[in-house]
Amino acid sequence: MGKSRDLSEFERGTIVGARRAGCSITQTANLLAFSRTAVSRVYREWCDKQKTSSQRKGCGRKRLVDESGERRMERMVEENNRATCTQIQALYNRSEPDRPISLTTTRRALRRLGYSRSTPQQDALIAAGLEALAAFTSSPGENQTEPESQGSTDNEENPQT
């Protein structure tokens, strides 16, 4: 069985409210479309601890570049806006030597802050169109075609004769 998303505070409160109103575990599960296991766990946690919050937010590895580290890195980028990722990493590691970060972590943090190391690439078709437009506007006399005259030629019959 796969893991599903965490229940929101509202959903947890609804489960507790339904159980406190006298609904059984099965009735609550059917009424709110949750599994009986989820209903039972949420209600048991509420009975034991009088709280319904999920503790999943505290799980996992802590970030090496936390909020204060992100602010510090952002100041470094603003002061040295032409610096490379390697230079930013060296500056960051000098400012906090007890928690050094790798180049990959530096790039990930910069991306999270909204800095992109790549410049926008022009599509080849757009570039060709821009070149043609520049050539057309730079020399208007050479690129324009003259409309053909409406008069008759030697090979065509003249309808007026």
Protein backbone atom coordinates (compact mmCIF):
# COMPACT_ATOMS: atom_id res chain seq x y z
CA MET A 1 0.00 0.00 0.00
CA GLY A 2 1.32 3.43 -0.93
CA LYS A 3 1.40 6.42 1.33
CA SER A 4 -1.19 9.09 0.80
CA ARG A 5 -0.98 12.77 1.62
CA ASP A 6 -1.20 14.05 5.18
CA LEU A 7 -4.59 15.08 6.48
CA SER A 8 -5.10 18.80 6.93
CA GLU A 9 -5.90 20.31 10.32
CA PHE A 10 -9.49 20.82 9.17
CA GLU A 11 -9.85 17.16 8.12
CA ARG A 12 -8.39 15.98 11.43
CA GLY A 13 -10.78 18.25 13.33
CA THR A 14 -13.70 16.93 11.29
CA ILE A 15 -12.76 13.36 12.21
CA VAL A 16 -12.57 14.24 15.91
CA GLY A 17 -15.86 16.14 15.69
CA ALA A 18 -17.67 13.24 14.02
CA ARG A 19 -16.37 10.76 16.58
CA ARG A 20 -17.30 13.10 19.47
CA ALA A 21 -20.78 13.43 17.96
CA GLY A 22 -21.25 9.69 18.39
CA CYS A 23 -20.38 8.25 14.97
CA SER A 24 -18.54 4.96 14.92
CA ILE A 25 -15.16 4.56 13.24
CA THR A 26 -16.77 2.93 10.19
CA GLN A 27 -19.51 5.56 9.95
CA THR A 28 -16.94 8.36 10.22
CA ALA A 29 -14.72 6.72 7.59
CA ASN A 30 -17.65 6.31 5.18
CA LEU A 31 -19.02 9.79 5.89
CA LEU A 32 -15.72 11.61 5.34
CA ALA A 33 -14.19 9.21 2.76
CA PHE A 34 -11.09 8.37 4.83
CA SER A 35 -9.77 4.96 5.75
CA ARG A 36 -10.81 3.44 9.06
CA THR A 37 -7.14 3.28 10.04
CA ALA A 38 -6.74 7.04 9.51
CA VAL A 39 -9.90 7.76 11.51
CA SER A 40 -8.81 5.49 14.33
CA ARG A 41 -5.26 6.93 14.51
CA VAL A 42 -6.38 10.57 14.46
CA TYR A 43 -9.01 10.01 17.14
CA ARG A 44 -6.65 7.95 19.35
CA GLU A 45 -3.98 10.68 19.08
CA TRP A 46 -6.56 13.29 20.04
CA CYS A 47 -7.73 11.24 23.03
CA ASP A 48 -4.15 10.66 24.24
CA LYS A 49 -2.54 14.05 23.58
CA GLN A 50 -5.48 16.40 22.96
CA LYS A 51 -3.90 17.48 19.67
CA THR A 52 -4.45 16.59 16.06
CA SER A 53 -1.43 18.09 14.30
CA SER A 54 0.81 16.03 12.08
CA GLN A 55 4.48 15.75 12.99
CA ARG A 56 5.64 15.11 9.40
CA LYS A 57 7.07 18.63 9.05
CA GLY A 58 9.89 17.79 11.44
CA CYS A 59 10.96 14.72 9.49
CA GLY A 60 13.86 14.42 7.13
CA ARG A 61 17.31 15.86 6.98
CA LYS A 62 17.73 19.48 7.98
CA ARG A 63 18.85 21.86 5.24
CA LEU A 64 22.47 22.95 5.24
CA VAL A 65 21.43 26.33 3.84
CA ASP A 66 18.59 27.41 6.13
CA GLU A 67 16.66 30.69 5.94
CA SER A 68 19.44 32.77 7.47
CA GLY A 69 21.95 31.06 5.17
CA GLU A 70 19.75 31.88 2.18
CA ARG A 71 19.63 35.55 3.22
CA ARG A 72 23.42 35.56 3.64
CA MET A 73 23.88 33.93 0.22
CA GLU A 74 21.51 36.43 -1.37
CA ARG A 75 23.56 39.31 0.08
CA MET A 76 26.71 37.70 -1.33
CA VAL A 77 25.14 37.48 -4.79
CA GLU A 78 23.90 41.08 -4.63
CA GLU A 79 27.35 42.35 -3.62
CA ASN A 80 29.15 40.20 -6.23
CA ASN A 81 26.61 39.91 -9.03
CA ARG A 82 29.24 38.71 -11.53
CA ALA A 83 30.54 35.92 -9.24
CA THR A 84 30.40 32.32 -10.39
CA CYS A 85 28.81 29.51 -8.38
CA THR A 86 32.27 28.34 -7.29
CA GLN A 87 33.14 31.82 -5.99
CA ILE A 88 29.82 32.08 -4.14
CA GLN A 89 30.44 28.66 -2.61
CA ALA A 90 33.90 29.74 -1.43
CA LEU A 91 32.48 32.95 0.09
CA TYR A 92 29.71 31.03 1.86
CA ASN A 93 32.10 28.40 3.21
CA ARG A 94 34.43 31.15 4.51
CA SER A 95 31.51 32.80 6.31
CA GLU A 96 30.38 29.56 7.94
CA PRO A 97 33.32 27.12 8.19
CA ASP A 98 31.58 24.66 10.54
CA ARG A 99 28.96 23.75 7.89
CA PRO A 100 30.61 23.79 4.44
CA ILE A 101 28.39 23.20 1.41
CA SER A 102 29.11 21.57 -1.92
CA LEU A 103 28.86 23.17 -5.34
CA THR A 104 25.64 21.24 -6.01
CA THR A 105 24.10 22.56 -2.78
CA THR A 106 25.16 26.08 -3.77
CA ARG A 107 23.49 25.74 -7.17
CA ARG A 108 20.35 24.27 -5.61
CA ALA A 109 20.12 27.12 -3.08
CA LEU A 110 20.65 29.74 -5.80
CA ARG A 111 17.95 28.15 -7.92
CA ARG A 112 15.60 28.14 -4.91
CA LEU A 113 16.35 31.86 -4.44
CA GLY A 114 15.40 32.54 -8.06
CA TYR A 115 18.85 32.95 -9.58
CA SER A 116 19.46 31.07 -12.80
CA ARG A 117 22.92 30.39 -14.14
CA SER A 118 21.76 30.06 -17.72
CA THR A 119 20.91 32.89 -20.06
CA PRO A 120 17.83 32.61 -22.23
CA GLN A 121 18.65 30.92 -25.52
CA GLN A 122 17.12 32.18 -28.75
CA ASP A 123 15.42 29.70 -30.95
CA ALA A 124 17.23 29.26 -34.30
CA LEU A 125 14.09 30.16 -36.25
CA ILE A 126 13.57 33.34 -34.22
CA ALA A 127 17.23 34.30 -34.69
CA ALA A 128 16.95 33.80 -38.47
CA GLY A 129 13.77 35.89 -38.54
CA LEU A 130 15.44 38.68 -36.57
CA GLU A 131 18.41 38.66 -38.99
CA ALA A 132 16.09 38.86 -41.98
CA LEU A 133 14.13 41.70 -40.37
CA ALA A 134 17.34 43.60 -39.61
CA ALA A 135 18.55 43.16 -43.20
CA PHE A 136 15.17 44.26 -44.55
CA THR A 137 14.99 47.42 -42.45
CA SER A 138 18.62 48.42 -43.00
CA SER A 139 18.37 48.66 -46.81
CA PRO A 140 14.76 49.22 -47.88
CA GLY A 141 15.49 50.00 -51.56
CA GLU A 142 17.30 46.74 -52.31
CA ASN A 143 14.81 44.32 -50.77
CA GLN A 144 11.54 45.76 -52.04
CA THR A 145 10.12 44.40 -55.27
CA GLU A 146 8.51 46.71 -57.80
CA PRO A 147 4.91 45.87 -58.68
CA GLU A 148 4.45 44.84 -62.27
CA SER A 149 2.86 47.39 -64.52
CA GLN A 150 -0.75 46.90 -65.44
CA GLY A 151 -0.12 47.70 -69.12
CA SER A 152 -0.13 45.19 -71.93
CA THR A 153 2.91 43.46 -73.29
CA ASP A 154 3.77 42.43 -76.82
CA ASN A 155 2.69 38.83 -76.32
CA GLU A 156 -0.74 39.57 -74.88
CA GLU A 157 -3.77 40.53 -76.90
CA ASN A 158 -5.10 44.01 -76.40
CA PRO A 159 -8.88 43.82 -75.76
CA GLN A 160 -9.45 47.42 -76.99
CA THR A 161 -8.36 46.78 -80.60
